[in-house]
Structures are given as structure tokens and as C-alpha cells.
Amino acid sequence: MNAEERKKYWKENLRYVAILLSIWFVVSYGFGILLVDVLNEIRVGGFKLGFWFAQQGSIYVFVVLIFVYVRLMNKLDKKYNVHE
């Protein structure tokens, strides 16, 4: 892989990381702290939705985002022929 391709590869990688971390930030900070009062008006399974996001939702979203990142990186590795 030449320098140009490496630069494109890392640019795409950083874009993925920025997008996924932004999603996690919105879910954990936005839903769990800033919008907790609004979301607490909604009940899911007897629990207030804002409380659920603050306690468990952000963790679940983070785990899902890890799997999404793995899938995106596998596709990116194949695109730039750097897969195992």
C-alpha cells in the first residue's frame, strides 16, 4: 500500500470512529443526562426510558457500536487489501 492509499485508509477509519463515538456520546450524555426528564415520560417494561438509558442503554449501545466498528473495519481492510 502506498502513502496515498494509507492516507485514504486512515481518513476513512477516523471518520468511522468519529461517527460511532458521536452516536455513543448522544446516547450516553444526551439521552442519559440532558434529555433524561423528557425520556422519563416514556415507560418501557415499567421503567422510565431516561433512567434506562442512563443505567443500561448507553452500555448496550456501546457494545453494539463495537460490533458495527468491527464490521466496518473488516470491509475497509478488504477494500484496501490489508486484511489478514
C-alpha atoms as a PDB file:
ATOM      1  CA  MET A   1       0.000   0.000   0.000  1.00  0.00           C
ATOM      2  CA  ASN A   2       1.456   3.343  -0.984  1.00  0.00           C
ATOM      3  CA  ALA A   3       1.354   6.560   1.032  1.00  0.00           C
ATOM      4  CA  GLU A   4      -1.740   7.856  -0.790  1.00  0.00           C
ATOM      5  CA  GLU A   5      -3.735   4.704  -0.046  1.00  0.00           C
ATOM      6  CA  ARG A   6      -2.585   4.703   3.603  1.00  0.00           C
ATOM      7  CA  LYS A   7      -3.777   8.274   3.948  1.00  0.00           C
ATOM      8  CA  LYS A   8      -7.197   7.405   2.469  1.00  0.00           C
ATOM      9  CA  TYR A   9      -7.435   4.300   4.675  1.00  0.00           C
ATOM     10  CA  TRP A  10      -6.776   6.248   7.891  1.00  0.00           C
ATOM     11  CA  LYS A  11      -9.058   9.080   6.838  1.00  0.00           C
ATOM     12  CA  GLU A  12     -11.933   6.614   6.421  1.00  0.00           C
ATOM     13  CA  ASN A  13     -11.021   4.882   9.680  1.00  0.00           C
ATOM     14  CA  LEU A  14     -11.048   8.165  11.598  1.00  0.00           C
ATOM     15  CA  ARG A  15     -14.364   9.100  10.004  1.00  0.00           C
ATOM     16  CA  TYR A  16     -15.887   5.827  11.221  1.00  0.00           C
ATOM     17  CA  VAL A  17     -14.505   6.379  14.718  1.00  0.00           C
ATOM     18  CA  ALA A  18     -15.813   9.957  14.841  1.00  0.00           C
ATOM     19  CA  ILE A  19     -19.296   8.930  13.708  1.00  0.00           C
ATOM     20  CA  LEU A  20     -19.553   5.990  16.104  1.00  0.00           C
ATOM     21  CA  LEU A  21     -18.242   7.974  19.069  1.00  0.00           C
ATOM     22  CA  SER A  22     -20.684  10.764  18.240  1.00  0.00           C
ATOM     23  CA  ILE A  23     -23.552   8.270  18.330  1.00  0.00           C
ATOM     24  CA  TRP A  24     -22.354   6.944  21.679  1.00  0.00           C
ATOM     25  CA  PHE A  25     -21.982  10.477  23.049  1.00  0.00           C
ATOM     26  CA  VAL A  26     -25.525  11.386  22.023  1.00  0.00           C
ATOM     27  CA  VAL A  27     -26.916   8.207  23.570  1.00  0.00           C
ATOM     28  CA  SER A  28     -24.913   8.278  26.799  1.00  0.00           C
ATOM     29  CA  TYR A  29     -24.694  12.003  27.512  1.00  0.00           C
ATOM     30  CA  GLY A  30     -27.678  13.299  25.582  1.00  0.00           C
ATOM     31  CA  PHE A  31     -30.235  10.608  26.431  1.00  0.00           C
ATOM     32  CA  GLY A  32     -28.803   9.673  29.821  1.00  0.00           C
ATOM     33  CA  ILE A  33     -28.208  13.171  31.226  1.00  0.00           C
ATOM     34  CA  LEU A  34     -29.560  16.047  29.131  1.00  0.00           C
ATOM     35  CA  LEU A  35     -32.840  14.538  27.950  1.00  0.00           C
ATOM     36  CA  VAL A  36     -33.478  12.299  30.941  1.00  0.00           C
ATOM     37  CA  ASP A  37     -36.539  14.254  32.128  1.00  0.00           C
ATOM     38  CA  VAL A  38     -38.162  14.186  28.693  1.00  0.00           C
ATOM     39  CA  LEU A  39     -37.414  10.483  28.212  1.00  0.00           C
ATOM     40  CA  ASN A  40     -38.664   9.637  31.706  1.00  0.00           C
ATOM     41  CA  GLU A  41     -42.177  10.429  30.477  1.00  0.00           C
ATOM     42  CA  ILE A  42     -41.928   7.266  28.349  1.00  0.00           C
ATOM     43  CA  ARG A  43     -42.089   3.907  30.081  1.00  0.00           C
ATOM     44  CA  VAL A  44     -40.732   0.685  28.611  1.00  0.00           C
ATOM     45  CA  GLY A  45     -41.340  -2.501  30.537  1.00  0.00           C
ATOM     46  CA  GLY A  46     -42.300  -0.482  33.613  1.00  0.00           C
ATOM     47  CA  PHE A  47     -39.062   1.501  33.661  1.00  0.00           C
ATOM     48  CA  LYS A  48     -38.586   5.141  32.771  1.00  0.00           C
ATOM     49  CA  LEU A  49     -36.746   5.382  29.454  1.00  0.00           C
ATOM     50  CA  GLY A  50     -34.366   8.116  30.639  1.00  0.00           C
ATOM     51  CA  PHE A  51     -33.354   6.033  33.635  1.00  0.00           C
ATOM     52  CA  TRP A  52     -32.846   3.002  31.407  1.00  0.00           C
ATOM     53  CA  PHE A  53     -30.532   4.916  29.041  1.00  0.00           C
ATOM     54  CA  ALA A  54     -28.552   6.314  31.965  1.00  0.00           C
ATOM     55  CA  GLN A  55     -28.119   2.909  33.614  1.00  0.00           C
ATOM     56  CA  GLN A  56     -28.011   0.341  30.813  1.00  0.00           C
ATOM     57  CA  GLY A  57     -28.861   1.766  27.416  1.00  0.00           C
ATOM     58  CA  SER A  58     -25.584   3.527  26.788  1.00  0.00           C
ATOM     59  CA  ILE A  59     -23.665   0.355  27.634  1.00  0.00           C
ATOM     60  CA  TYR A  60     -25.771  -1.724  25.242  1.00  0.00           C
ATOM     61  CA  VAL A  61     -25.350   0.863  22.504  1.00  0.00           C
ATOM     62  CA  PHE A  62     -21.583   0.909  23.089  1.00  0.00           C
ATOM     63  CA  VAL A  63     -21.369  -2.884  22.722  1.00  0.00           C
ATOM     64  CA  VAL A  64     -23.421  -2.754  19.510  1.00  0.00           C
ATOM     65  CA  LEU A  65     -21.156   0.015  18.191  1.00  0.00           C
ATOM     66  CA  ILE A  66     -18.120  -2.189  18.826  1.00  0.00           C
ATOM     67  CA  PHE A  67     -19.591  -4.869  16.562  1.00  0.00           C
ATOM     68  CA  VAL A  68     -20.509  -2.249  13.955  1.00  0.00           C
ATOM     69  CA  TYR A  69     -16.931  -0.939  14.055  1.00  0.00           C
ATOM     70  CA  VAL A  70     -15.522  -4.443  13.586  1.00  0.00           C
ATOM     71  CA  ARG A  71     -17.743  -4.997  10.569  1.00  0.00           C
ATOM     72  CA  LEU A  72     -16.872  -1.614   9.056  1.00  0.00           C
ATOM     73  CA  MET A  73     -13.160  -2.183   9.583  1.00  0.00           C
ATOM     74  CA  ASN A  74     -13.294  -5.647   8.018  1.00  0.00           C
ATOM     75  CA  LYS A  75     -14.915  -4.125   4.937  1.00  0.00           C
ATOM     76  CA  LEU A  76     -12.376  -1.294   4.916  1.00  0.00           C
ATOM     77  CA  ASP A  77      -9.466  -3.737   5.253  1.00  0.00           C
ATOM     78  CA  LYS A  78     -10.729  -5.731   2.285  1.00  0.00           C
ATOM     79  CA  LYS A  79     -11.247  -2.554   0.264  1.00  0.00           C
ATOM     80  CA  TYR A  80      -7.607  -1.545   0.769  1.00  0.00           C
ATOM     81  CA  ASN A  81      -6.308  -5.123   0.720  1.00  0.00           C
ATOM     82  CA  VAL A  82      -4.865  -5.069   4.222  1.00  0.00           C
ATOM     83  CA  HIS A  83      -6.995  -7.858   5.673  1.00  0.00           C
ATOM     84  CA  GLU A  84      -5.479 -10.963   7.250  1.00  0.00           C
END
